[in-house]
Amino acid sequence: MDIRFDGKTVVVAGAARGIGRAIARAFANDGASVLACDRLVAEIEPGDRIKALMVDVTDPSSIDAVVKQGGGRIDVLVYVAGGVLGQQPKPIEEVAPDDFAAIVDANLKGCFLFARAVAPGMKKAGVGRIVTISSRAGLSTSLTGIQAYASAKHGQVGLVKQLAQELGPFGITVNSVAPGFMATSPDYERQWNSYSEEFRRTFADRIAMRRMGRPEDIADAVLFLASDRASWITGQILPVTGSPLA
């Protein structure tokens, strides 16, 4: 199956590290012009087809500036941004409301704002692809133990399904990829290192494929959902975890 994106403009929001970086690279390798945006713009991997842009995913004007870089027409939006923002798990009574809101804003509100910004151009074109990176935490509980993260990812799954219903008549598909755990950023490296040596040593034994996932595994799934081969798939959450989802 040859999947190409020549002549397409792709926004990858949250492109500085790990999964987002791999997704930006994969689209560029397959011919797309990639607007790779992140608040950590200096960490975005450069490339001939990759343009690094600063973005604050909670600021509509910042997002609008990214979309304008694509001439107002974005063919594919991939929303990767979010994470746990350096927070640690705490009992619910010790969680500050502002800390809860910050994680929800980065994972859910930003996704809404980006979809809101690209929808008009996609509607005008009569076609478009929106793919979010949710999490296994959006389908179950979160290994992070962080209430806001699980809540935001569940909310993102709901947003994907609702937008799929709304935007389908305009030729726009909306889907999500839900990765399993990967130590792809400092936050998740800290989480990994917090586990016991025994847990880490046997972790892959609990995965059907008997290996940890790689960012490229997620990028492959995203490229499929963003391609013409997936034109009749919408409102779906694709777990990419190396195992059947219990």
Protein backbone atom coordinates (compact mmCIF):
# COMPACT_ATOMS: atom_id res chain seq x y z
CA MET A 1 0.00 0.00 0.00
CA ASP A 2 1.67 3.19 -1.20
CA ILE A 3 0.52 6.16 0.86
CA ARG A 4 1.72 9.58 -0.25
CA PHE A 5 0.89 13.14 0.75
CA ASP A 6 2.46 15.10 -2.10
CA GLY A 7 0.93 18.56 -2.36
CA LYS A 8 -0.72 18.26 1.05
CA THR A 9 -0.25 20.60 3.99
CA VAL A 10 -0.17 18.88 7.36
CA VAL A 11 -0.20 20.48 10.80
CA VAL A 12 1.35 18.46 13.61
CA ALA A 13 0.59 20.13 16.94
CA GLY A 14 3.03 18.93 19.58
CA ALA A 15 5.87 18.05 17.22
CA ALA A 16 8.94 18.65 19.35
CA ARG A 17 9.42 15.23 20.90
CA GLY A 18 8.66 11.55 20.73
CA ILE A 19 5.44 10.66 18.95
CA GLY A 20 4.85 14.11 17.48
CA ARG A 21 8.38 14.29 16.09
CA ALA A 22 8.02 10.85 14.48
CA ILE A 23 4.68 11.83 12.93
CA ALA A 24 6.08 15.05 11.46
CA ARG A 25 9.05 13.18 10.02
CA ALA A 26 6.85 10.45 8.52
CA PHE A 27 4.56 12.92 6.74
CA ALA A 28 7.54 14.84 5.38
CA ASN A 29 9.14 11.63 4.14
CA ASP A 30 5.91 10.85 2.29
CA GLY A 31 5.82 14.17 0.48
CA ALA A 32 3.77 16.48 2.71
CA SER A 33 4.61 20.03 3.65
CA VAL A 34 4.55 19.88 7.44
CA LEU A 35 3.82 22.75 9.80
CA ALA A 36 5.38 21.34 12.95
CA CYS A 37 4.35 23.40 15.93
CA ASP A 38 5.07 23.27 19.62
CA ARG A 39 5.77 25.58 22.54
CA LEU A 40 9.25 23.97 22.55
CA VAL A 41 9.92 25.18 19.04
CA ALA A 42 13.71 24.96 19.39
CA GLU A 43 13.41 21.17 19.83
CA ILE A 44 11.49 20.55 16.61
CA GLU A 45 13.53 18.41 14.24
CA PRO A 46 14.40 20.43 11.11
CA GLY A 47 13.81 19.14 7.60
CA ASP A 48 13.35 20.25 4.00
CA ARG A 49 9.59 19.76 4.23
CA ILE A 50 9.21 20.65 7.91
CA LYS A 51 8.57 24.23 9.02
CA ALA A 52 8.95 24.77 12.76
CA LEU A 53 6.43 27.12 14.36
CA MET A 54 5.80 28.30 17.89
CA VAL A 55 2.31 27.68 19.21
CA ASP A 56 0.38 27.98 22.44
CA VAL A 57 -2.39 25.42 22.07
CA THR A 58 -4.57 27.23 24.62
CA ASP A 59 -4.47 30.53 22.68
CA PRO A 60 -6.82 30.80 19.66
CA SER A 61 -4.79 33.62 18.09
CA SER A 62 -1.61 31.55 18.28
CA ILE A 63 -3.38 28.64 16.59
CA ASP A 64 -4.87 30.91 13.92
CA ALA A 65 -1.34 32.12 13.11
CA VAL A 66 -0.24 28.53 12.46
CA VAL A 67 -3.22 27.85 10.19
CA LYS A 68 -2.50 31.04 8.22
CA GLN A 69 0.98 29.68 7.49
CA GLY A 70 -0.82 27.03 5.45
CA GLY A 71 -2.68 29.65 3.46
CA GLY A 72 -5.79 28.98 5.51
CA ARG A 73 -6.11 25.50 3.98
CA ILE A 74 -4.89 22.58 6.06
CA ASP A 75 -5.39 19.12 4.56
CA VAL A 76 -4.50 17.16 7.69
CA LEU A 77 -4.45 18.11 11.36
CA VAL A 78 -2.70 15.81 13.82
CA TYR A 79 -3.13 16.86 17.44
CA VAL A 80 -0.45 15.33 19.65
CA ALA A 81 0.01 18.08 22.24
CA GLY A 82 -0.84 17.56 25.87
CA GLY A 83 0.70 15.21 28.38
CA VAL A 84 0.88 15.68 32.13
CA LEU A 85 2.81 18.98 32.16
CA GLY A 86 5.34 17.77 34.70
CA GLN A 87 2.69 16.98 37.29
CA GLN A 88 2.88 14.04 39.69
CA PRO A 89 -0.01 11.88 40.94
CA LYS A 90 -1.68 13.11 44.14
CA PRO A 91 -4.78 12.19 46.14
CA ILE A 92 -7.72 14.07 44.68
CA GLU A 93 -8.12 16.25 47.77
CA GLU A 94 -4.59 17.56 47.22
CA VAL A 95 -5.00 18.42 43.52
CA ALA A 96 -5.13 22.16 42.88
CA PRO A 97 -7.99 23.17 40.57
CA ASP A 98 -5.60 25.19 38.41
CA ASP A 99 -3.36 22.15 37.95
CA PHE A 100 -6.35 20.06 36.90
CA ALA A 101 -7.46 22.75 34.45
CA ALA A 102 -3.97 23.11 32.92
CA ILE A 103 -3.86 19.45 31.88
CA VAL A 104 -7.42 19.56 30.54
CA ASP A 105 -6.60 22.71 28.56
CA ALA A 106 -3.50 21.22 26.95
CA ASN A 107 -5.06 17.87 26.07
CA LEU A 108 -8.70 18.73 25.35
CA LYS A 109 -9.24 22.46 24.92
CA GLY A 110 -6.26 22.74 22.57
CA CYS A 111 -7.63 19.89 20.48
CA PHE A 112 -10.98 21.68 20.24
CA LEU A 113 -9.32 24.99 19.31
CA PHE A 114 -7.19 23.44 16.57
CA ALA A 115 -10.16 21.55 15.09
CA ARG A 116 -12.16 24.78 15.22
CA ALA A 117 -9.41 26.60 13.33
CA VAL A 118 -8.95 24.09 10.50
CA ALA A 119 -12.61 23.14 9.97
CA PRO A 120 -13.60 26.11 7.76
CA GLY A 121 -10.87 25.43 5.20
CA MET A 122 -11.59 21.71 5.17
CA LYS A 123 -15.31 22.36 4.70
CA LYS A 124 -14.60 24.67 1.78
CA ALA A 125 -12.38 22.03 0.18
CA GLY A 126 -14.93 19.29 0.77
CA VAL A 127 -12.32 17.01 2.32
CA GLY A 128 -10.06 16.86 5.36
CA ARG A 129 -8.49 14.63 7.95
CA ILE A 130 -8.26 15.23 11.68
CA VAL A 131 -6.36 12.70 13.78
CA THR A 132 -5.77 13.08 17.49
CA ILE A 133 -3.37 11.22 19.72
CA SER A 134 -5.43 10.21 22.70
CA SER A 135 -4.20 7.39 24.93
CA ARG A 136 -5.11 4.06 26.36
CA ALA A 137 -5.92 6.32 29.33
CA GLY A 138 -8.84 7.63 27.27
CA LEU A 139 -10.34 4.15 27.13
CA SER A 140 -9.58 2.90 30.61
CA THR A 141 -7.62 4.24 33.59
CA SER A 142 -4.21 5.90 33.39
CA LEU A 143 -0.92 4.47 34.54
CA THR A 144 0.03 8.06 35.40
CA GLY A 145 -2.48 8.08 38.25
CA ILE A 146 -3.29 11.68 37.32
CA GLN A 147 -7.02 12.33 37.38
CA ALA A 148 -6.92 15.28 34.99
CA TYR A 149 -4.99 13.31 32.36
CA ALA A 150 -7.47 10.43 32.29
CA SER A 151 -10.37 12.89 32.29
CA ALA A 152 -8.96 14.96 29.43
CA LYS A 153 -8.19 11.93 27.29
CA HIS A 154 -11.68 10.52 27.83
CA GLY A 155 -13.00 13.96 26.88
CA GLN A 156 -10.89 13.98 23.73
CA VAL A 157 -12.39 10.64 22.71
CA GLY A 158 -15.87 12.16 23.09
CA LEU A 159 -14.85 15.20 21.06
CA VAL A 160 -13.54 12.98 18.26
CA LYS A 161 -16.80 11.05 18.05
CA GLN A 162 -18.95 14.18 18.12
CA LEU A 163 -16.86 16.00 15.50
CA ALA A 164 -16.91 12.93 13.26
CA GLN A 165 -20.71 13.07 13.25
CA GLU A 166 -20.76 16.82 12.63
CA LEU A 167 -18.06 17.05 9.97
CA GLY A 168 -18.76 13.85 8.03
CA PRO A 169 -21.20 15.54 5.64
CA PHE A 170 -18.36 17.85 4.56
CA GLY A 171 -16.01 15.00 3.63
CA ILE A 172 -13.95 15.38 6.81
CA THR A 173 -12.97 12.34 8.87
CA VAL A 174 -12.07 12.59 12.55
CA ASN A 175 -10.29 9.72 14.27
CA SER A 176 -7.89 9.05 17.12
CA VAL A 177 -4.94 6.80 17.80
CA ALA A 178 -4.61 5.57 21.38
CA PRO A 179 -1.02 4.53 22.14
CA GLY A 180 0.09 2.35 25.00
CA PHE A 181 2.78 3.54 27.37
CA MET A 182 5.99 4.88 25.83
CA ALA A 183 8.78 6.73 27.63
CA THR A 184 8.93 9.41 24.93
CA SER A 185 9.33 12.60 26.99
CA PRO A 186 10.92 13.66 30.27
CA ASP A 187 7.56 13.30 32.05
CA TYR A 188 7.10 9.74 30.89
CA GLU A 189 10.75 8.90 31.49
CA ARG A 190 10.25 9.98 35.12
CA GLN A 191 7.12 7.86 35.28
CA TRP A 192 9.02 4.86 33.89
CA ASN A 193 11.89 5.33 36.33
CA SER A 194 9.45 5.50 39.24
CA TYR A 195 8.49 1.88 38.70
CA SER A 196 10.33 -0.95 40.38
CA GLU A 197 13.12 -2.73 38.57
CA GLU A 198 11.00 -5.86 38.49
CA PHE A 199 8.05 -4.01 36.91
CA ARG A 200 10.26 -2.51 34.22
CA ARG A 201 12.01 -5.80 33.54
CA THR A 202 8.77 -7.69 32.99
CA PHE A 203 6.69 -4.91 31.39
CA ALA A 204 7.12 -6.17 27.82
CA ASP A 205 6.10 -9.67 28.92
CA ARG A 206 2.59 -8.31 29.49
CA ILE A 207 2.41 -7.03 25.90
CA ALA A 208 1.24 -9.55 23.28
CA MET A 209 3.96 -8.48 20.83
CA ARG A 210 6.57 -8.77 23.61
CA ARG A 211 8.13 -5.37 23.01
CA MET A 212 7.67 -1.75 23.97
CA GLY A 213 6.07 0.49 21.39
CA ARG A 214 8.01 3.01 19.31
CA PRO A 215 6.88 6.45 18.14
CA GLU A 216 7.10 5.14 14.58
CA ASP A 217 4.39 2.58 15.38
CA ILE A 218 2.02 5.42 16.17
CA ALA A 219 3.10 7.43 13.12
CA ASP A 220 2.26 4.48 10.85
CA ALA A 221 -1.29 4.34 12.22
CA VAL A 222 -1.73 8.10 11.88
CA LEU A 223 -0.59 8.14 8.26
CA PHE A 224 -3.10 5.44 7.40
CA LEU A 225 -5.99 7.31 9.04
CA ALA A 226 -4.91 10.53 7.29
CA SER A 227 -4.77 8.87 3.87
CA ASP A 228 -7.36 8.34 1.15
CA ARG A 229 -7.30 4.65 2.11
CA ALA A 230 -9.22 5.56 5.27
CA SER A 231 -11.85 7.76 3.63
CA TRP A 232 -14.75 5.73 5.10
CA ILE A 233 -13.36 5.46 8.60
CA THR A 234 -14.45 8.14 11.04
CA GLY A 235 -15.23 8.54 14.72
CA GLN A 236 -12.96 5.63 15.56
CA ILE A 237 -10.40 5.19 18.31
CA LEU A 238 -7.59 2.90 17.17
CA PRO A 239 -5.64 1.40 20.10
CA VAL A 240 -2.00 0.91 19.09
CA THR A 241 -0.71 -0.92 22.13
CA GLY A 242 0.84 -4.16 20.87
CA SER A 243 -1.92 -6.09 22.61
CA PRO A 244 -5.66 -6.71 22.46
CA LEU A 245 -7.32 -4.02 24.56
CA ALA A 246 -8.90 -5.58 27.63
